[in-house]
PDB file of N, CA and C in Angstrom:
ATOM      1  N   MET A   1       0.844  -1.165   0.000  1.00  0.00           N
ATOM      2  CA  MET A   1       0.000   0.000   0.000  1.00  0.00           C
ATOM      3  C   MET A   1       0.899   1.241   0.000  1.00  0.00           C
ATOM      4  N   LYS A   2       0.575   2.199  -0.834  1.00  0.00           N
ATOM      5  CA  LYS A   2       1.360   3.430  -0.951  1.00  0.00           C
ATOM      6  C   LYS A   2       0.391   4.616  -0.933  1.00  0.00           C
ATOM      7  N   PRO A   3       0.048   5.108   0.277  1.00  0.00           N
ATOM      8  CA  PRO A   3      -0.880   6.246   0.339  1.00  0.00           C
ATOM      9  C   PRO A   3      -0.248   7.507  -0.236  1.00  0.00           C
ATOM     10  N   ALA A   4      -1.083   8.387  -0.751  1.00  0.00           N
ATOM     11  CA  ALA A   4      -0.600   9.662  -1.290  1.00  0.00           C
ATOM     12  C   ALA A   4      -0.054  10.541  -0.169  1.00  0.00           C
ATOM     13  N   LEU A   5      -0.605  10.397   1.025  1.00  0.00           N
ATOM     14  CA  LEU A   5      -0.200  11.208   2.162  1.00  0.00           C
ATOM     15  C   LEU A   5      -0.491  10.453   3.448  1.00  0.00           C
ATOM     16  N   THR A   6       0.424  10.553   4.397  1.00  0.00           N
ATOM     17  CA  THR A   6       0.216  10.019   5.733  1.00  0.00           C
ATOM     18  C   THR A   6       0.207  11.203   6.687  1.00  0.00           C
ATOM     19  N   VAL A   7      -0.783  11.250   7.576  1.00  0.00           N
ATOM     20  CA  VAL A   7      -0.869  12.332   8.546  1.00  0.00           C
ATOM     21  C   VAL A   7      -0.379  11.805   9.889  1.00  0.00           C
ATOM     22  N   ALA A   8       0.672  12.432  10.406  1.00  0.00           N
ATOM     23  CA  ALA A   8       1.222  12.068  11.706  1.00  0.00           C
ATOM     24  C   ALA A   8       0.619  13.006  12.741  1.00  0.00           C
ATOM     25  N   MET A   9      -0.251  12.460  13.585  1.00  0.00           N
ATOM     26  CA  MET A   9      -0.912  13.269  14.609  1.00  0.00           C
ATOM     27  C   MET A   9      -0.194  13.088  15.939  1.00  0.00           C
ATOM     28  N   GLY A  10       0.662  14.049  16.247  1.00  0.00           N
ATOM     29  CA  GLY A  10       1.375  14.025  17.513  1.00  0.00           C
ATOM     30  C   GLY A  10       2.830  13.629  17.370  1.00  0.00           C
ATOM     31  N   ALA A  11       3.573  13.858  18.450  1.00  0.00           N
ATOM     32  CA  ALA A  11       5.014  13.638  18.456  1.00  0.00           C
ATOM     33  C   ALA A  11       5.386  12.171  18.275  1.00  0.00           C
ATOM     34  N   THR A  12       4.658  11.274  18.901  1.00  0.00           N
ATOM     35  CA  THR A  12       4.980   9.858  18.790  1.00  0.00           C
ATOM     36  C   THR A  12       4.818   9.369  17.358  1.00  0.00           C
ATOM     37  N   ALA A  13       3.727   9.754  16.723  1.00  0.00           N
ATOM     38  CA  ALA A  13       3.500   9.353  15.330  1.00  0.00           C
ATOM     39  C   ALA A  13       4.543   9.976  14.415  1.00  0.00           C
ATOM     40  N   ALA A  14       4.858  11.244  14.632  1.00  0.00           N
ATOM     41  CA  ALA A  14       5.851  11.921  13.793  1.00  0.00           C
ATOM     42  C   ALA A  14       7.216  11.260  13.925  1.00  0.00           C
ATOM     43  N   LEU A  15       7.604  10.930  15.146  1.00  0.00           N
ATOM     44  CA  LEU A  15       8.886  10.270  15.363  1.00  0.00           C
ATOM     45  C   LEU A  15       8.911   8.899  14.701  1.00  0.00           C
ATOM     46  N   ALA A  16       7.829   8.141  14.860  1.00  0.00           N
ATOM     47  CA  ALA A  16       7.772   6.796  14.274  1.00  0.00           C
ATOM     48  C   ALA A  16       7.831   6.838  12.752  1.00  0.00           C
ATOM     49  N   LEU A  17       7.173   7.807  12.149  1.00  0.00           N
ATOM     50  CA  LEU A  17       7.107   7.865  10.688  1.00  0.00           C
ATOM     51  C   LEU A  17       8.327   8.526  10.051  1.00  0.00           C
ATOM     52  N   THR A  18       8.874   9.544  10.722  1.00  0.00           N
ATOM     53  CA  THR A  18       9.947  10.315  10.097  1.00  0.00           C
ATOM     54  C   THR A  18      11.321  10.078  10.706  1.00  0.00           C
ATOM     55  N   GLY A  19      11.346   9.554  11.926  1.00  0.00           N
ATOM     56  CA  GLY A  19      12.618   9.363  12.610  1.00  0.00           C
ATOM     57  C   GLY A  19      13.155  10.641  13.226  1.00  0.00           C
ATOM     58  N   SER A  20      12.404  11.720  13.146  1.00  0.00           N
ATOM     59  CA  SER A  20      12.839  13.004  13.681  1.00  0.00           C
ATOM     60  C   SER A  20      12.016  13.375  14.907  1.00  0.00           C
ATOM     61  N   GLY A  21      12.700  13.784  15.960  1.00  0.00           N
ATOM     62  CA  GLY A  21      12.035  14.213  17.174  1.00  0.00           C
ATOM     63  C   GLY A  21      11.948  15.721  17.293  1.00  0.00           C
ATOM     64  N   THR A  22      12.186  16.425  16.181  1.00  0.00           N
ATOM     65  CA  THR A  22      12.099  17.886  16.185  1.00  0.00           C
ATOM     66  C   THR A  22      10.704  18.330  16.616  1.00  0.00           C
ATOM     67  N   SER A  23      10.630  19.443  17.283  1.00  0.00           N
ATOM     68  CA  SER A  23       9.396  19.977  17.853  1.00  0.00           C
ATOM     69  C   SER A  23       8.214  19.936  16.872  1.00  0.00           C
ATOM     70  N   ILE A  24       7.098  19.428  17.355  1.00  0.00           N
ATOM     71  CA  ILE A  24       5.872  19.360  16.554  1.00  0.00           C
ATOM     72  C   ILE A  24       5.382  20.763  16.212  1.00  0.00           C
ATOM     73  N   THR A  25       5.472  21.680  17.152  1.00  0.00           N
ATOM     74  CA  THR A  25       4.960  23.029  16.893  1.00  0.00           C
ATOM     75  C   THR A  25       5.747  23.724  15.788  1.00  0.00           C
ATOM     76  N   LYS A  26       6.997  23.364  15.593  1.00  0.00           N
ATOM     77  CA  LYS A  26       7.787  23.939  14.504  1.00  0.00           C
ATOM     78  C   LYS A  26       7.509  23.248  13.174  1.00  0.00           C
ATOM     79  N   ARG A  27       7.046  22.003  13.216  1.00  0.00           N
ATOM     80  CA  ARG A  27       6.857  21.212  12.000  1.00  0.00           C
ATOM     81  C   ARG A  27       5.410  21.137  11.543  1.00  0.00           C
ATOM     82  N   ARG A  28       4.472  21.446  12.417  1.00  0.00           N
ATOM     83  CA  ARG A  28       3.063  21.203  12.103  1.00  0.00           C
ATOM     84  C   ARG A  28       2.618  21.987  10.872  1.00  0.00           C
ATOM     85  N   GLY A  29       1.788  21.327  10.086  1.00  0.00           N
ATOM     86  CA  GLY A  29       1.231  21.954   8.899  1.00  0.00           C
ATOM     87  C   GLY A  29       2.100  21.875   7.664  1.00  0.00           C
ATOM     88  N   ARG A  30       3.282  21.301   7.806  1.00  0.00           N
ATOM     89  CA  ARG A  30       4.202  21.219   6.666  1.00  0.00           C
ATOM     90  C   ARG A  30       4.244  19.805   6.116  1.00  0.00           C
ATOM     91  N   LEU A  31       4.343  19.726   4.811  1.00  0.00           N
ATOM     92  CA  LEU A  31       4.511  18.425   4.163  1.00  0.00           C
ATOM     93  C   LEU A  31       5.989  18.077   4.176  1.00  0.00           C
ATOM     94  N   GLU A  32       6.300  16.864   4.611  1.00  0.00           N
ATOM     95  CA  GLU A  32       7.677  16.393   4.645  1.00  0.00           C
ATOM     96  C   GLU A  32       7.798  15.185   3.722  1.00  0.00           C
ATOM     97  N   ARG A  33       8.812  15.180   2.916  1.00  0.00           N
ATOM     98  CA  ARG A  33       9.048  14.069   1.992  1.00  0.00           C
ATOM     99  C   ARG A  33      10.145  13.194   2.582  1.00  0.00           C
ATOM    100  N   LEU A  34       9.853  11.923   2.749  1.00  0.00           N
ATOM    101  CA  LEU A  34      10.824  10.983   3.298  1.00  0.00           C
ATOM    102  C   LEU A  34      11.693  10.409   2.187  1.00  0.00           C
ATOM    103  N   GLY A  35      12.747   9.743   2.561  1.00  0.00           N
ATOM    104  CA  GLY A  35      13.695   9.187   1.601  1.00  0.00           C
ATOM    105  C   GLY A  35      13.075   8.220   0.605  1.00  0.00           C
ATOM    106  N   ASP A  36      12.020   7.517   1.012  1.00  0.00           N
ATOM    107  CA  ASP A  36      11.376   6.553   0.116  1.00  0.00           C
ATOM    108  C   ASP A  36      10.278   7.185  -0.736  1.00  0.00           C
ATOM    109  N   GLY A  37      10.149   8.521  -0.649  1.00  0.00           N
ATOM    110  CA  GLY A  37       9.140   9.215  -1.442  1.00  0.00           C
ATOM    111  C   GLY A  37       7.817   9.423  -0.731  1.00  0.00           C
ATOM    112  N   THR A  38       7.658   8.845   0.439  1.00  0.00           N
ATOM    113  CA  THR A  38       6.430   9.014   1.216  1.00  0.00           C
ATOM    114  C   THR A  38       6.291  10.467   1.657  1.00  0.00           C
ATOM    115  N   THR A  39       5.082  10.995   1.571  1.00  0.00           N
ATOM    116  CA  THR A  39       4.810  12.345   2.041  1.00  0.00           C
ATOM    117  C   THR A  39       4.061  12.255   3.362  1.00  0.00           C
ATOM    118  N   VAL A  40       4.551  13.012   4.346  1.00  0.00           N
ATOM    119  CA  VAL A  40       3.962  13.018   5.687  1.00  0.00           C
ATOM    120  C   VAL A  40       3.605  14.449   6.059  1.00  0.00           C
ATOM    121  N   LEU A  41       2.414  14.623   6.603  1.00  0.00           N
ATOM    122  CA  LEU A  41       2.003  15.906   7.165  1.00  0.00           C
ATOM    123  C   LEU A  41       2.014  15.740   8.677  1.00  0.00           C
ATOM    124  N   VAL A  42       2.794  16.557   9.355  1.00  0.00           N
ATOM    125  CA  VAL A  42       2.875  16.511  10.814  1.00  0.00           C
ATOM    126  C   VAL A  42       1.912  17.536  11.393  1.00  0.00           C
ATOM    127  N   THR A  43       1.119  17.108  12.366  1.00  0.00           N
ATOM    128  CA  THR A  43       0.194  18.017  13.033  1.00  0.00           C
ATOM    129  C   THR A  43       0.087  17.626  14.502  1.00  0.00           C
ATOM    130  N   LEU A  44      -0.665  18.407  15.232  1.00  0.00           N
ATOM    131  CA  LEU A  44      -0.879  18.149  16.646  1.00  0.00           C
ATOM    132  C   LEU A  44      -1.792  16.949  16.835  1.00  0.00           C
ATOM    133  N   HIS A  45      -1.678  16.314  17.986  1.00  0.00           N
ATOM    134  CA  HIS A  45      -2.612  15.241  18.316  1.00  0.00           C
ATOM    135  C   HIS A  45      -3.901  15.898  18.815  1.00  0.00           C
ATOM    136  N   PRO A  46      -5.054  15.402  18.382  1.00  0.00           N
ATOM    137  CA  PRO A  46      -6.316  16.020  18.801  1.00  0.00           C
ATOM    138  C   PRO A  46      -6.489  16.108  20.322  1.00  0.00           C
ATOM    139  N   SER A  47      -5.936  15.166  21.064  1.00  0.00           N
ATOM    140  CA  SER A  47      -6.094  15.215  22.525  1.00  0.00           C
ATOM    141  C   SER A  47      -5.374  16.429  23.119  1.00  0.00           C
ATOM    142  N   TYR A  48      -4.343  16.910  22.451  1.00  0.00           N
ATOM    143  CA  TYR A  48      -3.655  18.116  22.910  1.00  0.00           C
ATOM    144  C   TYR A  48      -4.621  19.296  22.936  1.00  0.00           C
ATOM    145  N   LEU A  49      -5.447  19.379  21.911  1.00  0.00           N
ATOM    146  CA  LEU A  49      -6.412  20.476  21.818  1.00  0.00           C
ATOM    147  C   LEU A  49      -7.395  20.439  22.986  1.00  0.00           C
ATOM    148  N   LEU A  50      -7.782  19.246  23.378  1.00  0.00           N
ATOM    149  CA  LEU A  50      -8.748  19.092  24.465  1.00  0.00           C
ATOM    150  C   LEU A  50      -8.158  19.462  25.819  1.00  0.00           C
ATOM    151  N   ARG A  51      -6.844  19.382  25.946  1.00  0.00           N
ATOM    152  CA  ARG A  51      -6.196  19.653  27.233  1.00  0.00           C
ATOM    153  C   ARG A  51      -5.794  21.114  27.416  1.00  0.00           C
ATOM    154  N   LEU A  52      -5.946  21.940  26.395  1.00  0.00           N
ATOM    155  CA  LEU A  52      -5.567  23.351  26.528  1.00  0.00           C
ATOM    156  C   LEU A  52      -6.576  24.075  27.416  1.00  0.00           C
ATOM    157  N   PRO A  53      -6.115  24.608  28.547  1.00  0.00           N
ATOM    158  CA  PRO A  53      -7.060  25.231  29.483  1.00  0.00           C
ATOM    159  C   PRO A  53      -7.530  26.633  29.063  1.00  0.00           C
ATOM    160  N   ASP A  54      -6.716  27.360  28.326  1.00  0.00           N
ATOM    161  CA  ASP A  54      -7.056  28.722  27.925  1.00  0.00           C
ATOM    162  C   ASP A  54      -7.932  28.693  26.672  1.00  0.00           C
ATOM    163  N   PRO A  55      -9.169  29.186  26.762  1.00  0.00           N
ATOM    164  CA  PRO A  55     -10.081  29.134  25.618  1.00  0.00           C
ATOM    165  C   PRO A  55      -9.547  29.832  24.358  1.00  0.00           C
ATOM    166  N   ALA A  56      -8.871  30.956  24.521  1.00  0.00           N
ATOM    167  CA  ALA A  56      -8.337  31.669  23.354  1.00  0.00           C
ATOM    168  C   ALA A  56      -7.231  30.847  22.696  1.00  0.00           C
ATOM    169  N   ARG A  57      -6.374  30.270  23.499  1.00  0.00           N
ATOM    170  CA  ARG A  57      -5.290  29.438  22.957  1.00  0.00           C
ATOM    171  C   ARG A  57      -5.855  28.182  22.294  1.00  0.00           C
ATOM    172  N   ARG A  58      -6.899  27.609  22.911  1.00  0.00           N
ATOM    173  CA  ARG A  58      -7.528  26.427  22.326  1.00  0.00           C
ATOM    174  C   ARG A  58      -8.134  26.755  20.973  1.00  0.00           C
ATOM    175  N   ALA A  59      -8.820  27.888  20.870  1.00  0.00           N
ATOM    176  CA  ALA A  59      -9.439  28.286  19.603  1.00  0.00           C
ATOM    177  C   ALA A  59      -8.374  28.483  18.530  1.00  0.00           C
ATOM    178  N   GLU A  60      -7.260  29.092  18.893  1.00  0.00           N
ATOM    179  CA  GLU A  60      -6.164  29.297  17.945  1.00  0.00           C
ATOM    180  C   GLU A  60      -5.576  27.961  17.484  1.00  0.00           C
ATOM    181  N   ALA A  61      -5.360  27.054  18.425  1.00  0.00           N
ATOM    182  CA  ALA A  61      -4.799  25.744  18.090  1.00  0.00           C
ATOM    183  C   ALA A  61      -5.775  24.924  17.249  1.00  0.00           C
ATOM    184  N   GLU A  62      -7.066  25.020  17.555  1.00  0.00           N
ATOM    185  CA  GLU A  62      -8.067  24.294  16.773  1.00  0.00           C
ATOM    186  C   GLU A  62      -8.121  24.828  15.340  1.00  0.00           C
ATOM    187  N   ALA A  63      -8.023  26.140  15.175  1.00  0.00           N
ATOM    188  CA  ALA A  63      -8.031  26.727  13.830  1.00  0.00           C
ATOM    189  C   ALA A  63      -6.813  26.251  13.035  1.00  0.00           C
ATOM    190  N   ALA A  64      -5.658  26.188  13.689  1.00  0.00           N
ATOM    191  CA  ALA A  64      -4.448  25.702  13.015  1.00  0.00           C
ATOM    192  C   ALA A  64      -4.599  24.231  12.636  1.00  0.00           C
ATOM    193  N   PHE A  65      -5.223  23.444  13.510  1.00  0.00           N
ATOM    194  CA  PHE A  65      -5.451  22.028  13.244  1.00  0.00           C
ATOM    195  C   PHE A  65      -6.368  21.856  12.032  1.00  0.00           C
ATOM    196  N   VAL A  66      -7.419  22.664  11.960  1.00  0.00           N
ATOM    197  CA  VAL A  66      -8.340  22.611  10.816  1.00  0.00           C
ATOM    198  C   VAL A  66      -7.591  22.955   9.526  1.00  0.00           C
ATOM    199  N   GLU A  67      -6.714  23.945   9.574  1.00  0.00           N
ATOM    200  CA  GLU A  67      -5.910  24.289   8.394  1.00  0.00           C
ATOM    201  C   GLU A  67      -5.016  23.118   7.981  1.00  0.00           C
ATOM    202  N   ASP A  68      -4.441  22.426   8.966  1.00  0.00           N
ATOM    203  CA  ASP A  68      -3.624  21.253   8.660  1.00  0.00           C
ATOM    204  C   ASP A  68      -4.458  20.187   7.941  1.00  0.00           C
ATOM    205  N   LEU A  69      -5.670  19.964   8.428  1.00  0.00           N
ATOM    206  CA  LEU A  69      -6.537  18.970   7.792  1.00  0.00           C
ATOM    207  C   LEU A  69      -6.940  19.396   6.386  1.00  0.00           C
ATOM    208  N   LYS A  70      -7.130  20.685   6.181  1.00  0.00           N
ATOM    209  CA  LYS A  70      -7.421  21.185   4.829  1.00  0.00           C
ATOM    210  C   LYS A  70      -6.226  20.954   3.906  1.00  0.00           C
ATOM    211  N   THR A  71      -5.029  21.157   4.426  1.00  0.00           N
ATOM    212  CA  THR A  71      -3.821  20.880   3.641  1.00  0.00           C
ATOM    213  C   THR A  71      -3.781  19.409   3.265  1.00  0.00           C
ATOM    214  N   ALA A  72      -4.100  18.540   4.203  1.00  0.00           N
ATOM    215  CA  ALA A  72      -4.109  17.102   3.923  1.00  0.00           C
ATOM    216  C   ALA A  72      -5.149  16.764   2.874  1.00  0.00           C
ATOM    217  N   ALA A  73      -6.345  17.328   3.013  1.00  0.00           N
ATOM    218  CA  ALA A  73      -7.410  17.040   2.049  1.00  0.00           C
ATOM    219  C   ALA A  73      -7.045  17.551   0.665  1.00  0.00           C
ATOM    220  N   GLY A  74      -6.447  18.721   0.587  1.00  0.00           N
ATOM    221  CA  GLY A  74      -6.037  19.271  -0.688  1.00  0.00           C
ATOM    222  C   GLY A  74      -4.938  18.463  -1.335  1.00  0.00           C
ATOM    223  N   HIS A  75      -4.045  17.927  -0.544  1.00  0.00           N
ATOM    224  CA  HIS A  75      -2.939  17.126  -1.087  1.00  0.00           C
ATOM    225  C   HIS A  75      -3.464  15.829  -1.692  1.00  0.00           C
ATOM    226  N   SER A  76      -4.431  15.223  -1.046  1.00  0.00           N
ATOM    227  CA  SER A  76      -4.941  13.942  -1.534  1.00  0.00           C
ATOM    228  C   SER A  76      -5.729  14.105  -2.840  1.00  0.00           C
ATOM    229  N   LEU A  77      -6.142  15.331  -3.146  1.00  0.00           N
ATOM    230  CA  LEU A  77      -6.886  15.577  -4.379  1.00  0.00           C
ATOM    231  C   LEU A  77      -5.973  15.818  -5.572  1.00  0.00           C
ATOM    232  N   GLU A  78      -4.690  16.028  -5.300  1.00  0.00           N
ATOM    233  CA  GLU A  78      -3.751  16.316  -6.397  1.00  0.00           C
ATOM    234  C   GLU A  78      -3.505  15.097  -7.244  1.00  0.00           C
TER     235      GLU A  78
END
């Protein structure tokens, strides 16, 4: 199976798929191409959004997460 895009939700998934432990907040929303040609989109884990205590920060993080999902959806249509 060779998916057009794999979405890594959270640090554990990103590390497992890419081998890189670089900060998720610095990588989120970007498409990364692996050595075998696989494309990975790194984003936050949804449970992170649920744990944010500040409503304004949560709304900002949720909006960024939605943009990441739009990027994923747009990539799969190419």
